[in-house]
């Protein structure tokens, strides 16, 4: 089972203290296999609980991994003030362009059109504009680096905004996030799948922390560490989203990608800001002009998809093209 394999790898890593590219490749392989196990458990929970609860279980787990990995790098011996910015921006490009684009392309080619609920997607986009603006645009607008009090105020604002969104998503606005053609509900017990989901995700967290010093040693540019952290974190979400696209579940694709990004930005950034305020370390969230442009293009494409209320293969191609631009900017 993937969980047992993951814990065996954790034990080996603790005993052998691995290093070098071969060890890094081996750890990544185990993480990929664990991610498939996470996907299976998450899909089983989604069939049992329905949307948006099924997507939220996986989303919260992914967010927890993000916070642990980013905090471990941010508080490490070698300062990396931009790790939270790099990982969250990379997550934005990966989730909204690569993962969602590939899912829409696969689903569009197989089913021609994927129905999405425009009301639900628009609420995700409103949240992304607010928490993304507070995280990435506000530092540019401020005349000077934010003080500890300002960092705390920004963090509290983001957490309160996300809390209100979550309350509405699970309450009065729940129907806006339901899939138009949900999978048949099952009576399979949810607790065993939830336990195995956590047991399979936990070794990914530990192995991610083992990889952190390897990133510093092997990567020539610090921003690549943020990208690789985002890749590791989002592997379970990626496989689950592609499976939803293959099944023609357009709203589940949106719930998994947009919902995960709202949680990643709306929770990870405030946590890092609070850590920076508490420890006196610098947290850099300023994006370059090229990065802000790519983020604006991505949100614009997502808005057009929400307005159409149906996703097609062409929508997927558009998002994949923006991801290709992101890669060009990254390697330039």
Foldseek 3Di string as FASTA:
>chain_A
DLLVLLVVLLVCCVVVVDADDVNVVVLLVSLLSLLVVLLVLLVLLCLAPPPPVSLVLLLVLLLVLLQLLQVCQCPDPDHDQALLQLQLLLLLLCLLFVQLLLLQQLLCVQPVKFFAQLVVLVLLLVLCCVLVCLQAVVCVVDPDGDALVRLLVSLVVLQVVVVVSVCCCVPVCVVSLGWPDDDNHDPPDSVVSSVVSCSSSVSLSSSSSSCLVNCVVPPPDPSVSSNVSNVSSCSSLRVNLSVCSNVSRSSSSSSNRSVSSSSNSSNNSSVVSNVCSVPVNRHDNYDDPVSVVLSVQSSVLSSVCSVVSMRHSVSSVSSNVSSVVVVVVVVD
